N, C-alpha and C. Protein backbone atom coordinates (compact mmCIF):
# COMPACT_ATOMS: atom_id res chain seq x y z
N MET A 1 0.55 -0.67 -0.16
CA MET A 1 0.20 -0.26 -0.09
C MET A 1 1.08 1.06 0.39
N PRO A 2 0.39 1.94 -0.72
CA PRO A 2 1.53 3.60 -1.38
C PRO A 2 1.21 4.50 0.95
N LYS A 3 2.30 4.88 0.64
CA LYS A 3 2.64 5.22 1.48
C LYS A 3 2.42 7.59 1.91
N LEU A 4 1.89 8.13 2.29
CA LEU A 4 1.33 8.47 2.05
C LEU A 4 2.99 10.27 2.35
N LYS A 5 3.67 10.89 1.83
CA LYS A 5 4.61 11.43 1.79
C LYS A 5 4.86 12.30 3.03
N THR A 6 5.77 12.67 3.46
CA THR A 6 6.40 13.86 4.17
C THR A 6 6.20 15.41 3.30
N LEU A 7 5.01 16.10 3.90
CA LEU A 7 5.00 17.27 3.13
C LEU A 7 5.28 19.04 3.79
N SER A 8 6.04 19.53 3.26
CA SER A 8 6.23 20.81 3.69
C SER A 8 4.32 21.95 3.07
N GLY A 9 3.95 22.70 3.57
CA GLY A 9 2.51 23.46 2.87
C GLY A 9 3.48 24.00 2.50
N ARG A 10 4.71 24.54 2.09
CA ARG A 10 5.65 25.44 0.85
C ARG A 10 5.60 23.70 -0.48
N ASP A 11 5.42 22.58 -0.47
CA ASP A 11 5.62 21.79 -1.18
C ASP A 11 4.15 21.64 -2.26
N VAL A 12 3.11 21.41 -1.14
CA VAL A 12 1.24 21.38 -1.52
C VAL A 12 1.63 22.73 -2.22
N LEU A 13 1.72 23.96 -1.62
CA LEU A 13 1.68 25.57 -2.67
C LEU A 13 2.22 24.39 -3.95
N LYS A 14 3.32 24.07 -4.30
CA LYS A 14 3.95 24.05 -4.98
C LYS A 14 3.19 23.33 -5.98
N ILE A 15 2.50 22.16 -5.85
CA ILE A 15 1.97 21.31 -5.95
C ILE A 15 0.60 21.23 -7.25
N PHE A 16 0.20 22.24 -6.07
CA PHE A 16 -0.93 23.20 -7.15
C PHE A 16 -1.93 24.35 -7.60
N VAL A 17 0.15 25.09 -7.78
CA VAL A 17 0.23 25.72 -8.94
C VAL A 17 0.89 25.00 -10.25
N ALA A 18 0.67 23.71 -9.75
CA ALA A 18 1.29 23.24 -11.28
C ALA A 18 0.17 22.64 -12.38
N PHE A 19 -0.65 22.79 -11.61
CA PHE A 19 -2.30 23.18 -11.46
C PHE A 19 -3.52 23.63 -12.34
N GLY A 20 -2.52 25.05 -11.88
CA GLY A 20 -3.06 26.07 -12.34
C GLY A 20 -3.21 27.25 -11.28
N PHE A 21 -3.14 27.10 -10.01
CA PHE A 21 -4.70 26.98 -9.34
C PHE A 21 -3.04 28.92 -8.69
N GLU A 22 -3.23 29.86 -8.31
CA GLU A 22 -2.77 30.96 -7.86
C GLU A 22 -2.80 31.60 -6.51
N VAL A 23 -1.90 32.23 -5.92
CA VAL A 23 -2.47 32.47 -4.47
C VAL A 23 -3.66 33.64 -4.96
N ALA A 24 -5.07 33.44 -3.74
CA ALA A 24 -5.50 34.53 -3.87
C ALA A 24 -5.66 35.53 -2.71
N SER A 25 -4.97 35.38 -1.25
CA SER A 25 -4.96 35.40 -0.73
C SER A 25 -4.34 34.42 0.73
N GLN A 26 -4.29 35.07 2.09
CA GLN A 26 -3.51 34.62 2.86
C GLN A 26 -3.52 35.45 3.97
N ARG A 27 -4.07 34.42 4.49
CA ARG A 27 -4.61 34.77 6.36
C ARG A 27 -3.81 34.47 7.79
N GLY A 28 -2.76 34.54 8.05
CA GLY A 28 -1.63 34.36 9.09
C GLY A 28 -1.33 33.14 8.23
N SER A 29 -0.41 31.99 8.33
CA SER A 29 -0.47 31.04 8.33
C SER A 29 -1.33 30.17 7.17
N HIS A 30 -2.08 30.32 6.54
CA HIS A 30 -3.06 30.17 5.94
C HIS A 30 -3.15 30.45 4.41
N VAL A 31 -3.09 29.85 3.20
CA VAL A 31 -2.72 30.14 2.12
C VAL A 31 -4.30 29.98 1.60
N LYS A 32 -5.16 30.89 0.38
CA LYS A 32 -5.38 30.29 0.27
C LYS A 32 -5.40 30.22 -1.59
N LEU A 33 -5.73 29.32 -1.93
CA LEU A 33 -5.95 29.21 -3.36
C LEU A 33 -6.77 29.21 -3.93
N GLN A 34 -6.56 29.27 -6.00
CA GLN A 34 -7.87 29.63 -6.41
C GLN A 34 -6.92 29.25 -7.63
N ARG A 35 -7.98 28.53 -8.80
CA ARG A 35 -8.47 28.56 -9.90
C ARG A 35 -9.89 28.98 -10.61
N ILE A 36 -9.75 30.04 -11.45
CA ILE A 36 -10.96 30.37 -12.33
C ILE A 36 -11.10 29.83 -13.28
N LEU A 37 -12.13 28.84 -13.63
CA LEU A 37 -12.09 27.74 -14.99
C LEU A 37 -12.87 28.65 -16.00
N SER A 38 -12.95 28.07 -17.50
CA SER A 38 -13.14 29.61 -18.63
C SER A 38 -15.36 29.08 -17.65
N GLY A 39 -16.28 29.86 -18.00
CA GLY A 39 -16.83 30.16 -17.81
C GLY A 39 -17.51 30.75 -16.73
N GLY A 40 -16.45 30.65 -15.64
CA GLY A 40 -16.21 30.94 -14.48
C GLY A 40 -16.00 30.79 -13.23
N ILE A 41 -16.00 29.96 -13.35
CA ILE A 41 -16.67 28.02 -12.16
C ILE A 41 -15.05 28.87 -11.31
N ARG A 42 -15.54 28.57 -9.98
CA ARG A 42 -13.84 29.31 -8.86
C ARG A 42 -13.85 27.59 -8.13
N GLN A 43 -12.70 28.27 -8.43
CA GLN A 43 -11.96 26.82 -7.39
C GLN A 43 -11.41 26.53 -6.00
N THR A 44 -11.61 26.83 -5.27
CA THR A 44 -10.46 27.26 -3.81
C THR A 44 -10.07 26.03 -3.17
N LEU A 45 -9.14 26.61 -2.44
CA LEU A 45 -8.23 25.27 -1.87
C LEU A 45 -7.64 26.23 -0.67
N THR A 46 -7.10 25.71 -0.03
CA THR A 46 -6.80 26.51 1.57
C THR A 46 -6.03 25.32 2.37
N ILE A 47 -4.57 26.04 2.59
CA ILE A 47 -3.79 25.21 3.29
C ILE A 47 -2.25 26.52 3.90
N PRO A 48 -2.40 25.16 4.84
CA PRO A 48 -1.42 25.97 6.44
C PRO A 48 -0.53 26.13 5.95
N ASN A 49 0.40 27.19 5.29
CA ASN A 49 1.56 27.79 4.98
C ASN A 49 2.94 26.56 6.31
N HIS A 50 2.84 24.98 7.16
CA HIS A 50 3.52 24.88 8.11
C HIS A 50 5.05 24.20 7.42
N GLU A 51 6.04 24.21 7.91
CA GLU A 51 7.41 23.15 7.96
C GLU A 51 6.87 21.67 7.47
N GLU A 52 5.85 21.26 8.44
CA GLU A 52 5.55 20.09 7.54
C GLU A 52 3.87 19.94 8.61
N LEU A 53 3.74 18.82 7.67
CA LEU A 53 1.95 19.29 7.63
C LEU A 53 1.83 17.80 8.00
N ASP A 54 0.62 17.82 8.75
CA ASP A 54 0.31 16.70 10.04
C ASP A 54 -0.49 15.35 8.62
N ARG A 55 -0.01 14.18 8.15
CA ARG A 55 -0.16 12.64 7.88
C ARG A 55 -2.05 13.29 7.43
N GLY A 56 -3.07 13.91 8.68
CA GLY A 56 -4.31 14.35 9.06
C GLY A 56 -4.59 15.10 7.84
N THR A 57 -4.05 16.62 8.24
CA THR A 57 -3.98 17.59 7.31
C THR A 57 -4.19 17.30 6.04
N LEU A 58 -3.19 16.51 5.81
CA LEU A 58 -2.36 15.96 4.46
C LEU A 58 -3.98 15.38 3.41
N ARG A 59 -4.19 14.19 3.69
CA ARG A 59 -5.30 13.71 3.52
C ARG A 59 -6.17 14.19 3.31
N ALA A 60 -6.87 15.22 4.13
CA ALA A 60 -8.23 16.68 4.18
C ALA A 60 -7.46 17.19 3.15
N ILE A 61 -6.94 18.11 2.66
CA ILE A 61 -5.72 18.55 1.53
C ILE A 61 -5.88 16.89 0.26
N TYR A 62 -5.65 16.18 -0.27
CA TYR A 62 -5.67 15.44 -0.88
C TYR A 62 -7.40 15.28 -1.24
N ARG A 63 -8.19 14.72 -0.59
CA ARG A 63 -8.96 14.84 -0.49
C ARG A 63 -9.77 15.43 -1.37
N GLN A 64 -10.02 17.15 -0.77
CA GLN A 64 -10.68 18.29 -1.08
C GLN A 64 -10.50 17.99 -2.37
N ALA A 65 -8.85 18.20 -2.67
CA ALA A 65 -8.52 18.92 -4.49
C ALA A 65 -9.10 17.24 -5.25
N LEU A 66 -9.34 15.90 -4.89
CA LEU A 66 -9.80 15.10 -5.70
C LEU A 66 -11.10 15.71 -6.58
N ARG A 67 -11.59 17.20 -5.69
CA ARG A 67 -12.57 17.36 -5.99
C ARG A 67 -12.65 17.77 -7.38
N TYR A 68 -11.29 18.56 -7.64
CA TYR A 68 -10.75 19.81 -9.22
C TYR A 68 -10.35 19.22 -9.44
N ILE A 69 -9.00 17.76 -9.40
CA ILE A 69 -7.90 16.69 -10.17
C ILE A 69 -8.09 15.87 -10.02
N PRO A 70 -8.50 15.25 -11.45
CA PRO A 70 -8.24 13.26 -11.30
C PRO A 70 -7.09 12.94 -10.02
N GLU A 71 -7.36 12.31 -9.26
CA GLU A 71 -6.81 11.61 -9.03
C GLU A 71 -5.44 10.43 -9.67
N THR A 72 -5.52 10.17 -10.66
CA THR A 72 -4.84 9.93 -11.54
C THR A 72 -3.43 11.04 -11.50
N GLU A 73 -3.90 12.11 -11.90
CA GLU A 73 -2.44 13.35 -11.44
C GLU A 73 -2.54 13.95 -10.57
N LEU A 74 -3.11 13.49 -9.33
CA LEU A 74 -2.22 13.88 -8.24
C LEU A 74 -2.07 12.74 -6.92
N HIS A 75 -2.13 11.53 -7.17
CA HIS A 75 -1.82 10.62 -5.86
C HIS A 75 -0.31 10.77 -6.49
N ASP A 76 0.64 10.46 -7.65
CA ASP A 76 2.29 10.00 -6.53
C ASP A 76 2.38 11.38 -7.07
N ARG A 77 1.87 12.77 -6.23
CA ARG A 77 3.08 13.87 -5.40
C ARG A 77 2.64 14.01 -4.44
N PHE A 78 1.03 12.47 -3.93
CA PHE A 78 0.25 12.66 -2.57
C PHE A 78 1.43 11.35 -1.22
N TYR A 79 1.77 10.50 -2.86
CA TYR A 79 2.03 8.80 -2.16
C TYR A 79 3.32 8.46 -2.72
N SER A 80 4.12 7.85 -1.82
CA SER A 80 5.22 7.77 -2.54
C SER A 80 5.07 6.12 -3.29
N SER A 81 5.58 5.85 -4.23
CA SER A 81 5.12 3.81 -4.62
C SER A 81 5.88 2.37 -3.78
């Protein structure tokens, strides 16, 4: 079974920027990412910008991101083989 990687908030931000998300705002250590699709559809994710994210937090971010990004494209960036 694949194991969840150890990632920082900065690592996760880089992953989503590669998928077209942009930093919309930041409040404290939480960064709001957003991308606007054709038709004006907004997709938003909030990422804590911490040195190391807890596994539960990473899983929650991964599950939320699956609403917008296919699992086949996202899985290898969060899980080691």
